[in-house]
Every structure is written in structure tokens, then in C-alpha cells.
Amino acid sequence: IAAVIASIPEPMAPVWQPPRPMPVLIMNGTADPILPWEGGEIHIQRRILGRVISTPATVAFWAQWNHCTLGPDISWIPGDEGMRVRREAYDGGLQGAPVTLYAIEGGGHTWPGGAQYLPEWIIGKVCRSIDATEIIWSFFDTTRLGG
């Protein structure tokens, strides 16, 4: 799984059981005005589209489900426009299923390395210091479920 801008829906979190451990990559912005980093209501303008658990809780769910090591290996990528990227890698998962989070500090509801497709006041800022497409490609190229 490679998800850009994703967290587990609240109603699903307490009952969901994926069919097996699987590699997971998540990229979320900490300043996303639509899908909140800390969890809660998903807003598009004045409409509420449901609730999600926080990004840290989503990552913890996957790390626990995959039986990864408890502490992540943390590294930093310098950012642009006051942003920086924290990479948290949880290895040691069953069947070679790691969990990796790219926490884009100051990033919005955007594709890292992509276009500013709507104004910042609607979706937040785009991080240009990483390229989500390249990172996802590399994740799938180097992660093989089962070895």
C-alpha cells in the first residue's frame, strides 16, 4: 500500500483486520486543512465527510498489525518554504512488511513534488523537497512481500 493523504476512518479502526501483513507507505502533511493530522472531522469547505484517526495512530496500527519493531528509524529531509520531512521507518515486519511514514511538516492536502492544484488557503502548501512518485516507485521496487 502506498497512500498519499490517508488515515484510517474512525468507524473502521476498532474492527478492521487486513487479510495479512503488507508493506505500507504513508505520506501525510501536518498542516492538511482537509484531512487532519491529529484525526477528527474531514472537511471540504463546510461539508463534513466523516472522521479519521490521527496519522500517528494510523501508522501505529500498521506497525502493530505487521509486527514491526517498536521504535522507528527516524531521518530528516530538509524542506522548502519552512517545511521539512520526517521519515519514520518501522522494519522487521512479518513476511518482510515494513511501515514507512513521510511526515511533511507544514505540508497540506497535496502531492509532494506535484503542482499547487488549488490555492494554499484551500489545500495548504505543496512540499517540493521530495517527489512522492519517485518514493512510491522505489518503495514498491525494493519491498517484496514474503522476501
N, C-alpha and C. Protein backbone atom coordinates (compact mmCIF):
# COMPACT_ATOMS: atom_id res chain seq x y z
N ILE A 1 0.85 -1.17 0.00
CA ILE A 1 0.00 0.00 0.00
C ILE A 1 0.90 1.23 0.00
N ALA A 2 0.59 2.18 -0.84
CA ALA A 2 1.26 3.48 -0.80
C ALA A 2 0.16 4.53 -0.84
N ALA A 3 0.01 5.26 0.25
CA ALA A 3 -1.07 6.22 0.37
C ALA A 3 -0.52 7.63 0.58
N VAL A 4 -0.96 8.54 -0.25
CA VAL A 4 -0.65 9.95 -0.07
C VAL A 4 -1.94 10.59 0.42
N ILE A 5 -1.88 11.18 1.61
CA ILE A 5 -3.03 11.82 2.24
C ILE A 5 -4.06 10.75 2.63
N ALA A 6 -3.75 9.98 3.65
CA ALA A 6 -4.67 8.93 4.07
C ALA A 6 -4.51 8.62 5.55
N SER A 7 -5.62 8.37 6.18
CA SER A 7 -5.68 7.87 7.55
C SER A 7 -6.86 6.91 7.63
N ILE A 8 -6.88 6.09 8.65
CA ILE A 8 -7.94 5.09 8.78
C ILE A 8 -9.22 5.76 9.28
N PRO A 9 -10.36 5.49 8.64
CA PRO A 9 -11.64 6.04 9.13
C PRO A 9 -11.92 5.56 10.55
N GLU A 10 -12.44 6.46 11.39
CA GLU A 10 -12.73 6.12 12.79
C GLU A 10 -13.60 4.87 12.95
N PRO A 11 -14.72 4.74 12.21
CA PRO A 11 -15.57 3.56 12.42
C PRO A 11 -14.85 2.24 12.09
N MET A 12 -13.88 2.31 11.21
CA MET A 12 -13.17 1.11 10.77
C MET A 12 -12.06 0.70 11.73
N ALA A 13 -11.46 1.68 12.39
CA ALA A 13 -10.26 1.44 13.20
C ALA A 13 -10.40 0.34 14.25
N PRO A 14 -11.49 0.29 15.03
CA PRO A 14 -11.54 -0.72 16.09
C PRO A 14 -11.86 -2.14 15.60
N VAL A 15 -12.34 -2.28 14.39
CA VAL A 15 -12.78 -3.61 13.93
C VAL A 15 -12.03 -4.14 12.72
N TRP A 16 -11.26 -3.30 12.06
CA TRP A 16 -10.63 -3.70 10.80
C TRP A 16 -9.51 -4.68 11.03
N GLN A 17 -9.50 -5.73 10.23
CA GLN A 17 -8.42 -6.72 10.26
C GLN A 17 -8.01 -7.03 8.82
N PRO A 18 -6.95 -6.39 8.33
CA PRO A 18 -6.49 -6.69 6.98
C PRO A 18 -6.19 -8.18 6.83
N PRO A 19 -6.25 -8.69 5.61
CA PRO A 19 -6.10 -10.14 5.42
C PRO A 19 -4.72 -10.70 5.76
N ARG A 20 -3.69 -9.85 5.74
CA ARG A 20 -2.32 -10.31 6.02
C ARG A 20 -1.42 -9.09 6.22
N PRO A 21 -0.23 -9.29 6.76
CA PRO A 21 0.73 -8.18 6.82
C PRO A 21 1.05 -7.71 5.39
N MET A 22 1.22 -6.42 5.22
CA MET A 22 1.57 -5.89 3.90
C MET A 22 2.42 -4.64 4.06
N PRO A 23 3.37 -4.42 3.15
CA PRO A 23 4.16 -3.20 3.20
C PRO A 23 3.26 -1.97 3.09
N VAL A 24 3.55 -0.96 3.91
CA VAL A 24 2.72 0.25 3.92
C VAL A 24 3.61 1.49 3.89
N LEU A 25 3.30 2.39 2.99
CA LEU A 25 3.95 3.70 2.90
C LEU A 25 2.86 4.75 3.00
N ILE A 26 3.03 5.71 3.92
CA ILE A 26 2.05 6.78 4.11
C ILE A 26 2.78 8.11 4.02
N MET A 27 2.21 9.07 3.29
CA MET A 27 2.72 10.44 3.20
C MET A 27 1.58 11.38 3.57
N ASN A 28 1.70 12.03 4.72
CA ASN A 28 0.67 12.98 5.16
C ASN A 28 1.32 14.29 5.57
N GLY A 29 0.62 15.38 5.28
CA GLY A 29 1.05 16.71 5.70
C GLY A 29 0.50 17.04 7.08
N THR A 30 1.33 17.66 7.91
CA THR A 30 0.89 18.01 9.26
C THR A 30 -0.04 19.22 9.28
N ALA A 31 -0.10 19.97 8.19
CA ALA A 31 -0.94 21.16 8.11
C ALA A 31 -2.04 21.00 7.06
N ASP A 32 -2.51 19.78 6.89
CA ASP A 32 -3.55 19.49 5.92
C ASP A 32 -4.88 20.05 6.44
N PRO A 33 -5.50 21.00 5.71
CA PRO A 33 -6.75 21.57 6.19
C PRO A 33 -7.98 20.69 5.92
N ILE A 34 -7.82 19.62 5.17
CA ILE A 34 -8.94 18.75 4.82
C ILE A 34 -8.94 17.49 5.67
N LEU A 35 -7.82 16.76 5.67
CA LEU A 35 -7.68 15.53 6.45
C LEU A 35 -6.71 15.83 7.61
N PRO A 36 -7.23 16.00 8.81
CA PRO A 36 -6.40 16.49 9.91
C PRO A 36 -5.37 15.46 10.41
N TRP A 37 -4.13 15.91 10.56
CA TRP A 37 -3.04 15.08 11.07
C TRP A 37 -3.41 14.45 12.40
N GLU A 38 -4.03 15.21 13.28
CA GLU A 38 -4.39 14.73 14.62
C GLU A 38 -5.70 13.95 14.65
N GLY A 39 -6.29 13.70 13.50
CA GLY A 39 -7.55 12.98 13.44
C GLY A 39 -8.73 13.92 13.62
N GLY A 40 -9.92 13.36 13.45
CA GLY A 40 -11.12 14.16 13.60
C GLY A 40 -11.88 14.26 12.29
N GLU A 41 -12.62 15.34 12.14
CA GLU A 41 -13.52 15.50 11.00
C GLU A 41 -12.75 15.86 9.72
N ILE A 42 -13.14 15.22 8.63
CA ILE A 42 -12.64 15.56 7.30
C ILE A 42 -13.54 16.66 6.76
N HIS A 43 -12.94 17.80 6.42
CA HIS A 43 -13.71 18.96 5.95
C HIS A 43 -13.35 19.31 4.51
N ILE A 44 -14.36 19.52 3.70
CA ILE A 44 -14.17 20.18 2.42
C ILE A 44 -15.14 21.35 2.44
N GLN A 45 -14.56 22.52 2.58
CA GLN A 45 -15.31 23.75 2.83
C GLN A 45 -16.18 23.54 4.07
N ARG A 46 -17.48 23.61 3.95
CA ARG A 46 -18.35 23.46 5.13
C ARG A 46 -18.92 22.07 5.27
N ARG A 47 -18.59 21.19 4.36
CA ARG A 47 -19.11 19.82 4.41
C ARG A 47 -18.19 18.93 5.23
N ILE A 48 -18.78 18.07 6.06
CA ILE A 48 -18.04 17.09 6.83
C ILE A 48 -18.23 15.74 6.15
N LEU A 49 -17.13 15.10 5.80
CA LEU A 49 -17.18 13.86 5.03
C LEU A 49 -16.82 12.62 5.85
N GLY A 50 -16.86 12.72 7.16
CA GLY A 50 -16.52 11.59 8.01
C GLY A 50 -15.43 11.97 8.99
N ARG A 51 -14.95 10.97 9.71
CA ARG A 51 -13.91 11.16 10.71
C ARG A 51 -12.81 10.13 10.51
N VAL A 52 -11.59 10.52 10.84
CA VAL A 52 -10.44 9.62 10.75
C VAL A 52 -9.68 9.63 12.07
N ILE A 53 -8.92 8.55 12.31
CA ILE A 53 -7.99 8.55 13.43
C ILE A 53 -6.76 9.34 13.00
N SER A 54 -5.92 9.69 13.93
CA SER A 54 -4.74 10.51 13.61
C SER A 54 -3.74 9.74 12.73
N THR A 55 -2.88 10.51 12.09
CA THR A 55 -1.81 9.89 11.30
C THR A 55 -0.92 9.02 12.18
N PRO A 56 -0.45 9.50 13.36
CA PRO A 56 0.35 8.62 14.21
C PRO A 56 -0.38 7.34 14.60
N ALA A 57 -1.68 7.42 14.87
CA ALA A 57 -2.44 6.21 15.23
C ALA A 57 -2.58 5.28 14.03
N THR A 58 -2.71 5.84 12.83
CA THR A 58 -2.78 5.02 11.61
C THR A 58 -1.47 4.27 11.41
N VAL A 59 -0.36 4.97 11.56
CA VAL A 59 0.96 4.33 11.41
C VAL A 59 1.16 3.27 12.49
N ALA A 60 0.78 3.59 13.73
CA ALA A 60 0.90 2.62 14.82
C ALA A 60 0.06 1.37 14.55
N PHE A 61 -1.14 1.55 14.00
CA PHE A 61 -1.98 0.41 13.65
C PHE A 61 -1.23 -0.53 12.71
N TRP A 62 -0.69 0.03 11.62
CA TRP A 62 0.00 -0.79 10.63
C TRP A 62 1.28 -1.42 11.19
N ALA A 63 2.04 -0.67 11.97
CA ALA A 63 3.27 -1.22 12.55
C ALA A 63 2.95 -2.38 13.49
N GLN A 64 1.89 -2.25 14.26
CA GLN A 64 1.47 -3.34 15.15
C GLN A 64 0.91 -4.52 14.35
N TRP A 65 0.07 -4.24 13.38
CA TRP A 65 -0.53 -5.31 12.57
C TRP A 65 0.55 -6.12 11.85
N ASN A 66 1.58 -5.43 11.36
CA ASN A 66 2.66 -6.09 10.64
C ASN A 66 3.73 -6.67 11.56
N HIS A 67 3.60 -6.46 12.87
CA HIS A 67 4.57 -6.92 13.87
C HIS A 67 5.95 -6.32 13.62
N CYS A 68 5.99 -5.02 13.34
CA CYS A 68 7.26 -4.33 13.13
C CYS A 68 7.93 -4.05 14.46
N THR A 69 9.19 -3.64 14.37
CA THR A 69 9.92 -3.24 15.57
C THR A 69 9.20 -2.06 16.22
N LEU A 70 9.35 -1.91 17.52
CA LEU A 70 8.61 -0.88 18.25
C LEU A 70 9.05 0.54 17.90
N GLY A 71 10.33 0.78 17.86
CA GLY A 71 10.80 2.14 17.62
C GLY A 71 11.16 2.37 16.17
N PRO A 72 10.73 3.49 15.60
CA PRO A 72 11.09 3.73 14.20
C PRO A 72 12.52 4.26 14.06
N ASP A 73 13.09 4.02 12.89
CA ASP A 73 14.34 4.66 12.50
C ASP A 73 13.93 6.00 11.89
N ILE A 74 14.35 7.10 12.50
CA ILE A 74 13.91 8.43 12.07
C ILE A 74 15.05 9.15 11.36
N SER A 75 14.72 9.73 10.20
CA SER A 75 15.66 10.58 9.48
C SER A 75 14.93 11.82 9.00
N TRP A 76 15.69 12.85 8.67
CA TRP A 76 15.11 14.13 8.27
C TRP A 76 15.57 14.51 6.87
N ILE A 77 14.67 15.09 6.13
CA ILE A 77 14.97 15.62 4.80
C ILE A 77 14.69 17.12 4.86
N PRO A 78 15.69 17.95 4.59
CA PRO A 78 15.44 19.39 4.62
C PRO A 78 14.34 19.76 3.63
N GLY A 79 13.53 20.72 4.01
CA GLY A 79 12.41 21.10 3.16
C GLY A 79 12.57 22.49 2.58
N ASP A 80 11.53 22.92 1.92
CA ASP A 80 11.49 24.24 1.33
C ASP A 80 10.36 25.04 1.96
N GLU A 81 10.41 26.33 1.86
CA GLU A 81 9.36 27.21 2.36
C GLU A 81 8.97 26.91 3.81
N GLY A 82 9.96 26.66 4.66
CA GLY A 82 9.69 26.40 6.07
C GLY A 82 9.22 24.99 6.36
N MET A 83 9.19 24.13 5.38
CA MET A 83 8.77 22.74 5.59
C MET A 83 10.01 21.86 5.71
N ARG A 84 9.82 20.72 6.39
CA ARG A 84 10.82 19.67 6.38
C ARG A 84 10.08 18.35 6.46
N VAL A 85 10.77 17.28 6.11
CA VAL A 85 10.14 15.97 6.04
C VAL A 85 10.82 15.03 7.02
N ARG A 86 10.00 14.39 7.85
CA ARG A 86 10.49 13.39 8.81
C ARG A 86 10.10 12.03 8.26
N ARG A 87 11.11 11.19 8.06
CA ARG A 87 10.87 9.83 7.58
C ARG A 87 10.98 8.88 8.77
N GLU A 88 9.91 8.12 9.03
CA GLU A 88 9.90 7.14 10.11
C GLU A 88 9.77 5.76 9.49
N ALA A 89 10.76 4.92 9.68
CA ALA A 89 10.76 3.58 9.08
C ALA A 89 10.67 2.52 10.18
N TYR A 90 9.64 1.71 10.09
CA TYR A 90 9.42 0.59 11.01
C TYR A 90 9.73 -0.69 10.23
N ASP A 91 10.82 -1.35 10.59
CA ASP A 91 11.21 -2.57 9.89
C ASP A 91 10.92 -3.78 10.76
N GLY A 92 11.26 -4.95 10.23
CA GLY A 92 11.10 -6.19 10.98
C GLY A 92 9.70 -6.75 10.94
N GLY A 93 8.90 -6.30 10.00
CA GLY A 93 7.53 -6.80 9.90
C GLY A 93 7.49 -8.24 9.41
N LEU A 94 6.41 -8.93 9.74
CA LEU A 94 6.21 -10.29 9.26
C LEU A 94 6.22 -10.32 7.74
N GLN A 95 6.79 -11.34 7.17
CA GLN A 95 6.85 -11.53 5.73
C GLN A 95 7.49 -10.33 5.02
N GLY A 96 8.39 -9.64 5.71
CA GLY A 96 9.08 -8.50 5.09
C GLY A 96 8.17 -7.32 4.82
N ALA A 97 7.23 -7.05 5.73
CA ALA A 97 6.25 -5.98 5.54
C ALA A 97 6.58 -4.77 6.42
N PRO A 98 7.40 -3.82 5.93
CA PRO A 98 7.73 -2.64 6.72
C PRO A 98 6.60 -1.61 6.65
N VAL A 99 6.69 -0.62 7.52
CA VAL A 99 5.78 0.52 7.51
C VAL A 99 6.65 1.77 7.49
N THR A 100 6.38 2.67 6.56
CA THR A 100 7.16 3.90 6.45
C THR A 100 6.22 5.09 6.38
N LEU A 101 6.51 6.09 7.18
CA LEU A 101 5.76 7.34 7.17
C LEU A 101 6.67 8.47 6.71
N TYR A 102 6.18 9.28 5.79
CA TYR A 102 6.79 10.55 5.45
C TYR A 102 5.88 11.62 6.02
N ALA A 103 6.30 12.23 7.12
CA ALA A 103 5.53 13.28 7.78
C ALA A 103 6.02 14.61 7.21
N ILE A 104 5.18 15.27 6.46
CA ILE A 104 5.57 16.51 5.79
C ILE A 104 5.15 17.67 6.69
N GLU A 105 6.10 18.16 7.46
CA GLU A 105 5.82 19.20 8.44
C GLU A 105 5.53 20.51 7.71
N GLY A 106 4.30 21.00 7.87
CA GLY A 106 3.85 22.20 7.19
C GLY A 106 3.19 21.91 5.85
N GLY A 107 3.15 20.64 5.46
CA GLY A 107 2.56 20.26 4.18
C GLY A 107 1.05 20.16 4.26
N GLY A 108 0.41 20.36 3.12
CA GLY A 108 -1.05 20.35 3.06
C GLY A 108 -1.62 19.10 2.41
N HIS A 109 -2.80 19.24 1.84
CA HIS A 109 -3.54 18.17 1.17
C HIS A 109 -3.08 18.12 -0.28
N THR A 110 -1.82 17.74 -0.46
CA THR A 110 -1.17 17.86 -1.77
C THR A 110 -0.27 16.66 -2.05
N TRP A 111 0.13 16.54 -3.31
CA TRP A 111 1.05 15.50 -3.76
C TRP A 111 2.46 16.05 -3.66
N PRO A 112 3.31 15.51 -2.79
CA PRO A 112 4.68 16.02 -2.67
C PRO A 112 5.42 15.98 -4.01
N GLY A 113 5.96 17.12 -4.40
CA GLY A 113 6.64 17.24 -5.67
C GLY A 113 5.70 17.56 -6.82
N GLY A 114 4.40 17.67 -6.53
CA GLY A 114 3.41 17.93 -7.57
C GLY A 114 3.07 19.41 -7.68
N ALA A 115 1.97 19.66 -8.34
CA ALA A 115 1.52 21.03 -8.60
C ALA A 115 0.69 21.56 -7.43
N GLN A 116 0.68 22.86 -7.29
CA GLN A 116 -0.23 23.53 -6.36
C GLN A 116 -1.56 23.64 -7.12
N TYR A 117 -2.37 22.57 -7.04
CA TYR A 117 -3.55 22.45 -7.91
C TYR A 117 -4.72 23.31 -7.48
N LEU A 118 -4.73 23.78 -6.26
CA LEU A 118 -5.71 24.75 -5.75
C LEU A 118 -4.97 25.74 -4.86
N PRO A 119 -5.57 26.88 -4.55
CA PRO A 119 -4.88 27.86 -3.70
C PRO A 119 -4.53 27.28 -2.32
N GLU A 120 -3.44 27.80 -1.76
CA GLU A 120 -2.97 27.35 -0.44
C GLU A 120 -4.06 27.46 0.62
N TRP A 121 -4.90 28.49 0.57
CA TRP A 121 -5.91 28.67 1.61
C TRP A 121 -6.95 27.55 1.58
N ILE A 122 -7.01 26.80 0.49
CA ILE A 122 -7.95 25.68 0.39
C ILE A 122 -7.28 24.36 0.77
N ILE A 123 -6.08 24.11 0.22
CA ILE A 123 -5.44 22.79 0.39
C ILE A 123 -4.13 22.81 1.15
N GLY A 124 -3.59 23.97 1.44
CA GLY A 124 -2.29 24.03 2.10
C GLY A 124 -1.15 24.05 1.09
N LYS A 125 0.07 23.91 1.61
CA LYS A 125 1.27 24.03 0.78
C LYS A 125 1.71 22.69 0.19
N VAL A 126 2.36 22.78 -0.97
CA VAL A 126 2.99 21.63 -1.61
C VAL A 126 4.45 21.57 -1.18
N CYS A 127 4.91 20.41 -0.77
CA CYS A 127 6.32 20.19 -0.46
C CYS A 127 7.05 19.83 -1.75
N ARG A 128 8.09 20.57 -2.06
CA ARG A 128 8.83 20.32 -3.30
C ARG A 128 10.19 19.67 -3.05
N SER A 129 10.49 19.37 -1.79
CA SER A 129 11.80 18.79 -1.49
C SER A 129 11.83 17.27 -1.66
N ILE A 130 10.67 16.65 -1.83
CA ILE A 130 10.62 15.23 -2.14
C ILE A 130 9.65 15.03 -3.30
N ASP A 131 9.77 13.90 -3.97
CA ASP A 131 8.89 13.56 -5.08
C ASP A 131 8.15 12.27 -4.71
N ALA A 132 6.86 12.39 -4.42
CA ALA A 132 6.07 11.24 -3.99
C ALA A 132 6.10 10.11 -5.01
N THR A 133 6.05 10.44 -6.27
CA THR A 133 6.04 9.42 -7.32
C THR A 133 7.31 8.58 -7.26
N GLU A 134 8.47 9.23 -7.16
CA GLU A 134 9.74 8.50 -7.10
C GLU A 134 9.85 7.66 -5.83
N ILE A 135 9.40 8.22 -4.70
CA ILE A 135 9.48 7.50 -3.43
C ILE A 135 8.58 6.26 -3.47
N ILE A 136 7.38 6.40 -3.99
CA ILE A 136 6.46 5.27 -4.09
C ILE A 136 7.03 4.21 -5.02
N TRP A 137 7.55 4.61 -6.16
CA TRP A 137 8.14 3.66 -7.10
C TRP A 137 9.28 2.89 -6.43
N SER A 138 10.16 3.60 -5.74
CA SER A 138 11.28 2.96 -5.06
C SER A 138 10.78 2.01 -3.96
N PHE A 139 9.74 2.42 -3.22
CA PHE A 139 9.18 1.57 -2.15
C PHE A 139 8.69 0.24 -2.73
N PHE A 140 7.94 0.30 -3.80
CA PHE A 140 7.43 -0.94 -4.41
C PHE A 140 8.55 -1.74 -5.08
N ASP A 141 9.54 -1.06 -5.63
CA ASP A 141 10.64 -1.75 -6.29
C ASP A 141 11.52 -2.49 -5.30
N THR A 142 11.68 -1.96 -4.09
CA THR A 142 12.59 -2.57 -3.13
C THR A 142 11.88 -3.42 -2.06
N THR A 143 10.57 -3.32 -1.97
CA THR A 143 9.82 -4.07 -0.96
C THR A 143 9.10 -5.22 -1.63
N ARG A 144 9.46 -6.40 -1.22
CA ARG A 144 8.83 -7.59 -1.78
C ARG A 144 8.16 -8.34 -0.63
N LEU A 145 6.86 -8.48 -0.67
CA LEU A 145 6.16 -9.22 0.37
C LEU A 145 6.60 -10.67 0.35
N GLY A 146 7.06 -11.12 1.49
CA GLY A 146 7.49 -12.50 1.60
C GLY A 146 8.96 -12.69 1.28
N GLY A 147 9.71 -11.59 1.06
CA GLY A 147 11.14 -11.73 0.87
C GLY A 147 11.66 -11.19 -0.40
